[in-house]
Amino acid sequence: MSTLIRPFIPSSRSPVLGRLGGLAAELLARERRLTLYGGLLLALLLPMAIAWGVDDRMLRGANVWLKPMKFSFSIAVLALTTAWFVGHLPAERRRGRAVDRIVWLLIGAGTFELSYITLQAGLGQGSHYNVGDMLHGAMYTLMGIGALLLTVTQPILAWQLARHPDPQRPAAYRHAVLIGLVLTFVFGAVVGGLLSSMQPPSGGATLPMLGWALSGGDLRPAHFVGIHAEQVLPVVGFAAATLSGWRAKTAVWAAAAGYALLFALLVAWGLSGGS
């Protein structure tokens, strides 16, 4: 059995469904609450997609239900990723207060964010940059706090993993996980602060589905890259673990440096207005 991940249970009827079932079982064993929460958010994509199909209202050039769908999927990925890495902790630490705080902070902040975004979509109004009156201004501020709290859970988890490392997992992989969790918070906070006062451009050519402006002046690509460091870098660490000694650690740090450079370039592009 791998020291990194357990093999997924195959299925004679459908190998794909068997592997998905095995993955779900593994996630439930690692952190049940976050796994169920992530599954619920993924299930919500279906009614949201139906609403998108029957509701033709548009907001800033996109269907009003597109934003709730993107946030539901994004928070689900965060919850499931966190559940996976909680599984790297010793069993007694998974039942400790630190993990409880991580779990409920993520669920509470995520639920608040998605509830308000979905409510505003149902009303045909914007959730982001909607500060025309005191109520909406206050809610937008609370959304910013909620988004920050979501990412704060990641360095808290990194601290737990650093204090209670699993010696059976290769050092390069462990380092990549820690770096990815920390960078997700740092990069997410940096771009989140910039985005809070810099509305993305409207009109012009955009990337299908995501709606990112192709002419520059849009910080959302940088935000996307930043918050997904915790998925990308551990994959690099997993691959680097096959190398020997210093080569594995060098590969991880080189990947982290390259990822940081990509993030910086996207921030500069987002601030430049495409000039």
Protein backbone atom coordinates (compact mmCIF):
# COMPACT_ATOMS: atom_id res chain seq x y z
CA MET A 1 0.00 0.00 0.00
CA SER A 2 1.33 3.45 -0.89
CA THR A 3 2.55 5.65 1.94
CA LEU A 4 0.91 8.63 0.23
CA ILE A 5 -2.54 7.46 -0.71
CA ARG A 6 -4.45 4.23 -0.31
CA PRO A 7 -5.47 2.43 -3.48
CA PHE A 8 -9.04 3.07 -4.51
CA ILE A 9 -11.48 0.19 -4.51
CA PRO A 10 -12.09 -1.12 -8.07
CA SER A 11 -15.51 -2.03 -9.36
CA SER A 12 -16.22 -4.90 -11.74
CA ARG A 13 -19.21 -3.02 -13.14
CA SER A 14 -17.64 0.39 -13.58
CA PRO A 15 -13.95 1.07 -12.83
CA VAL A 16 -14.58 4.83 -12.82
CA LEU A 17 -17.47 4.62 -10.35
CA GLY A 18 -15.47 2.18 -8.29
CA ARG A 19 -12.56 4.57 -8.02
CA LEU A 20 -14.86 7.50 -7.19
CA GLY A 21 -16.50 5.38 -4.52
CA GLY A 22 -13.11 4.46 -3.12
CA LEU A 23 -12.07 8.11 -3.09
CA ALA A 24 -15.28 9.09 -1.28
CA ALA A 25 -14.72 6.35 1.30
CA GLU A 26 -11.13 7.49 1.83
CA LEU A 27 -12.22 11.12 2.31
CA LEU A 28 -14.94 10.10 4.77
CA ALA A 29 -12.39 8.15 6.77
CA ARG A 30 -10.05 11.14 6.86
CA GLU A 31 -12.56 13.88 7.83
CA ARG A 32 -16.23 12.99 7.64
CA ARG A 33 -17.75 16.43 8.27
CA LEU A 34 -15.81 18.25 5.56
CA THR A 35 -16.37 15.42 3.11
CA LEU A 36 -20.14 15.49 3.63
CA TYR A 37 -20.12 19.28 3.38
CA GLY A 38 -18.12 19.20 0.14
CA GLY A 39 -20.46 16.55 -1.25
CA LEU A 40 -23.49 18.67 -0.39
CA LEU A 41 -22.00 21.67 -2.21
CA LEU A 42 -21.32 19.54 -5.27
CA ALA A 43 -24.90 18.24 -5.16
CA LEU A 44 -26.16 21.84 -5.10
CA LEU A 45 -24.66 22.34 -8.54
CA LEU A 46 -27.55 20.38 -10.06
CA PRO A 47 -30.41 22.68 -8.92
CA MET A 48 -28.24 25.69 -9.69
CA ALA A 49 -27.63 24.37 -13.20
CA ILE A 50 -31.37 23.87 -13.65
CA ALA A 51 -31.96 27.44 -12.48
CA TRP A 52 -29.36 28.60 -14.98
CA GLY A 53 -31.20 26.76 -17.74
CA VAL A 54 -34.63 28.27 -17.01
CA ASP A 55 -33.61 31.73 -15.76
CA ASP A 56 -32.33 34.04 -18.49
CA ARG A 57 -31.55 37.03 -16.26
CA MET A 58 -28.07 38.46 -16.80
CA LEU A 59 -25.77 40.44 -14.54
CA ARG A 60 -22.55 42.02 -15.87
CA GLY A 61 -22.84 39.92 -19.02
CA ALA A 62 -23.27 36.56 -17.24
CA ASN A 63 -26.25 34.52 -16.10
CA VAL A 64 -27.10 35.33 -12.47
CA TRP A 65 -26.63 31.67 -11.45
CA LEU A 66 -23.10 31.34 -12.79
CA LYS A 67 -21.48 32.96 -9.74
CA PRO A 68 -23.23 30.70 -7.17
CA MET A 69 -22.20 27.67 -9.22
CA LYS A 70 -18.55 28.74 -9.34
CA PHE A 71 -18.45 29.48 -5.61
CA SER A 72 -20.24 26.27 -4.68
CA PHE A 73 -17.70 24.26 -6.65
CA SER A 74 -14.73 26.26 -5.34
CA ILE A 75 -15.73 25.92 -1.67
CA ALA A 76 -16.42 22.21 -2.21
CA VAL A 77 -12.91 21.72 -3.59
CA LEU A 78 -11.48 23.59 -0.60
CA ALA A 79 -13.46 21.45 1.85
CA LEU A 80 -12.46 18.17 0.19
CA THR A 81 -8.81 19.19 -0.12
CA THR A 82 -8.77 20.12 3.57
CA ALA A 83 -10.40 16.79 4.46
CA TRP A 84 -7.70 14.96 2.51
CA PHE A 85 -4.82 16.71 4.29
CA VAL A 86 -6.44 16.33 7.71
CA GLY A 87 -6.01 12.62 7.01
CA HIS A 88 -2.23 13.13 7.15
CA LEU A 89 -2.49 13.85 10.88
CA PRO A 90 -2.30 11.13 13.52
CA ALA A 91 -5.73 9.73 14.42
CA GLU A 92 -5.77 11.39 17.86
CA ARG A 93 -5.04 14.81 16.34
CA ARG A 94 -7.91 14.48 13.86
CA ARG A 95 -10.27 14.34 16.85
CA GLY A 96 -8.63 17.32 18.57
CA ARG A 97 -9.87 20.85 19.08
CA ALA A 98 -7.57 22.32 16.43
CA VAL A 99 -9.16 20.23 13.69
CA ASP A 100 -12.63 21.02 15.08
CA ARG A 101 -11.86 24.72 14.74
CA ILE A 102 -10.63 24.27 11.18
CA VAL A 103 -13.73 22.27 10.22
CA TRP A 104 -16.35 24.58 11.70
CA LEU A 105 -14.58 27.75 10.60
CA LEU A 106 -14.52 26.48 7.03
CA ILE A 107 -18.13 25.29 7.11
CA GLY A 108 -19.39 28.47 8.78
CA ALA A 109 -17.55 30.92 6.53
CA GLY A 110 -18.28 28.89 3.40
CA THR A 111 -21.98 28.62 4.17
CA PHE A 112 -22.26 32.35 4.82
CA GLU A 113 -20.49 33.22 1.58
CA LEU A 114 -22.52 30.88 -0.58
CA SER A 115 -25.84 31.69 1.09
CA TYR A 116 -25.50 35.41 0.44
CA ILE A 117 -24.25 34.93 -3.12
CA THR A 118 -27.15 32.56 -3.87
CA LEU A 119 -29.70 34.90 -2.27
CA GLN A 120 -28.48 37.80 -4.37
CA ALA A 121 -28.60 35.65 -7.49
CA GLY A 122 -32.21 34.75 -6.74
CA LEU A 123 -32.97 38.47 -6.38
CA GLY A 124 -31.15 39.22 -9.61
CA GLN A 125 -28.68 41.45 -7.78
CA GLY A 126 -24.92 41.42 -7.39
CA SER A 127 -23.22 40.21 -4.26
CA HIS A 128 -19.74 41.53 -5.04
CA TYR A 129 -19.17 45.31 -5.34
CA ASN A 130 -22.81 45.93 -4.42
CA VAL A 131 -22.29 48.75 -1.89
CA GLY A 132 -25.04 51.15 -2.93
CA ASP A 133 -26.58 51.26 0.56
CA MET A 134 -25.58 50.55 4.14
CA LEU A 135 -26.97 47.00 4.23
CA HIS A 136 -25.27 45.82 1.07
CA GLY A 137 -22.07 47.63 2.00
CA ALA A 138 -22.01 45.83 5.35
CA MET A 139 -22.71 42.47 3.70
CA TYR A 140 -19.90 43.01 1.21
CA THR A 141 -17.51 43.73 4.08
CA LEU A 142 -18.66 40.57 5.84
CA MET A 143 -18.10 38.62 2.63
CA GLY A 144 -14.52 39.83 2.57
CA ILE A 145 -14.03 38.70 6.15
CA GLY A 146 -15.65 35.35 5.33
CA ALA A 147 -13.34 34.80 2.36
CA LEU A 148 -10.31 35.59 4.51
CA LEU A 149 -11.48 33.15 7.19
CA LEU A 150 -11.83 30.42 4.57
CA THR A 151 -8.16 30.73 3.63
CA VAL A 152 -7.03 31.19 7.26
CA THR A 153 -7.98 27.55 7.85
CA GLN A 154 -5.14 26.45 5.58
CA PRO A 155 -2.10 27.79 7.50
CA ILE A 156 -3.74 26.55 10.72
CA LEU A 157 -3.82 23.10 9.16
CA ALA A 158 -0.23 23.56 7.92
CA TRP A 159 0.85 24.32 11.49
CA GLN A 160 -0.76 21.11 12.73
CA LEU A 161 0.89 19.09 9.97
CA ALA A 162 4.28 20.66 10.73
CA ARG A 163 3.95 19.85 14.44
CA HIS A 164 2.69 16.32 13.86
CA PRO A 165 4.35 15.06 10.67
CA ASP A 166 3.79 11.57 9.37
CA PRO A 167 7.30 10.07 9.00
CA GLN A 168 5.96 7.45 6.58
CA ARG A 169 5.31 10.15 3.98
CA PRO A 170 8.31 11.36 1.95
CA ALA A 171 9.81 14.63 3.14
CA ALA A 172 9.48 16.28 -0.28
CA TYR A 173 5.76 15.57 -0.34
CA ARG A 174 5.28 16.84 3.23
CA HIS A 175 7.12 20.06 2.40
CA ALA A 176 5.08 20.58 -0.76
CA VAL A 177 1.84 20.23 1.21
CA LEU A 178 2.97 22.77 3.82
CA ILE A 179 4.15 25.25 1.19
CA GLY A 180 0.94 24.86 -0.80
CA LEU A 181 -1.30 25.44 2.22
CA VAL A 182 0.62 28.54 3.29
CA LEU A 183 0.79 30.02 -0.21
CA THR A 184 -2.95 29.50 -0.66
CA PHE A 185 -3.52 31.78 2.32
CA VAL A 186 -0.85 34.35 1.39
CA PHE A 187 -1.73 34.58 -2.29
CA GLY A 188 -5.47 34.45 -1.61
CA ALA A 189 -5.24 37.26 0.95
CA VAL A 190 -3.08 39.44 -1.29
CA VAL A 191 -5.34 39.22 -4.34
CA GLY A 192 -8.50 39.22 -2.24
CA GLY A 193 -7.47 42.57 -0.78
CA LEU A 194 -6.76 43.98 -4.23
CA LEU A 195 -9.99 42.61 -5.70
CA SER A 196 -12.09 44.09 -2.90
CA SER A 197 -11.53 47.58 -4.31
CA MET A 198 -10.79 46.79 -7.97
CA GLN A 199 -13.82 45.60 -9.89
CA PRO A 200 -13.03 43.37 -12.89
CA PRO A 201 -13.60 45.01 -16.28
CA SER A 202 -16.88 44.47 -18.09
CA GLY A 203 -17.30 44.10 -21.83
CA GLY A 204 -14.72 42.96 -24.33
CA ALA A 205 -13.50 39.45 -24.99
CA THR A 206 -13.72 37.05 -22.07
CA LEU A 207 -12.80 33.46 -21.31
CA PRO A 208 -15.89 31.24 -21.77
CA MET A 209 -17.63 30.16 -18.54
CA LEU A 210 -15.10 31.83 -16.27
CA GLY A 211 -15.72 35.30 -17.69
CA TRP A 212 -12.14 36.49 -17.22
CA ALA A 213 -11.17 39.46 -19.38
CA LEU A 214 -8.64 38.53 -22.06
CA SER A 215 -7.31 42.06 -22.47
CA GLY A 216 -5.83 42.42 -18.99
CA GLY A 217 -6.92 44.44 -16.00
CA ASP A 218 -8.51 41.37 -14.38
CA LEU A 219 -7.08 39.96 -11.15
CA ARG A 220 -9.27 36.87 -11.12
CA PRO A 221 -6.74 34.66 -12.96
CA ALA A 222 -4.16 35.55 -10.29
CA HIS A 223 -6.70 34.78 -7.59
CA PHE A 224 -7.47 31.41 -9.17
CA VAL A 225 -3.79 30.46 -9.36
CA GLY A 226 -3.17 31.71 -5.84
CA ILE A 227 -5.88 29.76 -4.04
CA HIS A 228 -5.07 26.53 -5.86
CA ALA A 229 -1.46 26.35 -4.72
CA GLU A 230 -2.59 23.78 -2.16
CA GLN A 231 -3.64 21.40 -4.93
CA VAL A 232 -0.87 22.01 -7.47
CA LEU A 233 2.23 21.94 -5.26
CA PRO A 234 1.37 18.71 -3.41
CA VAL A 235 1.00 17.00 -6.80
CA VAL A 236 4.50 18.25 -7.63
CA GLY A 237 5.69 16.97 -4.27
CA PHE A 238 4.11 13.59 -4.95
CA ALA A 239 6.04 13.35 -8.22
CA ALA A 240 9.25 14.74 -6.68
CA ALA A 241 9.13 12.08 -3.96
CA THR A 242 10.33 9.57 -6.56
CA LEU A 243 13.64 11.45 -6.77
CA SER A 244 16.48 10.91 -4.34
CA GLY A 245 17.65 13.10 -1.47
CA TRP A 246 18.35 16.73 -2.25
CA ARG A 247 16.91 16.44 -5.78
CA ALA A 248 13.42 15.91 -4.39
CA LYS A 249 13.54 18.96 -2.12
CA THR A 250 15.15 21.06 -4.85
CA ALA A 251 12.35 20.12 -7.24
CA VAL A 252 9.72 21.15 -4.70
CA TRP A 253 11.32 24.51 -3.96
CA ALA A 254 11.90 25.19 -7.66
CA ALA A 255 8.24 24.45 -8.37
CA ALA A 256 7.18 26.74 -5.53
CA ALA A 257 9.40 29.53 -6.86
CA GLY A 258 8.02 29.06 -10.37
CA TYR A 259 4.48 29.07 -9.06
CA ALA A 260 5.14 32.28 -7.11
CA LEU A 261 6.60 33.86 -10.25
CA LEU A 262 3.51 32.89 -12.27
CA PHE A 263 1.31 34.38 -9.57
CA ALA A 264 3.32 37.63 -9.55
CA LEU A 265 3.12 37.92 -13.33
CA LEU A 266 -0.65 37.42 -13.26
CA VAL A 267 -1.00 40.07 -10.54
CA ALA A 268 1.04 42.50 -12.63
CA TRP A 269 -1.07 41.66 -15.69
CA GLY A 270 -4.24 42.17 -13.67
CA LEU A 271 -3.11 45.55 -12.41
CA SER A 272 -1.81 46.71 -15.78
CA GLY A 273 -5.13 46.93 -17.57
CA GLY A 274 -3.54 45.05 -20.45
CA SER A 275 -1.23 47.93 -21.26
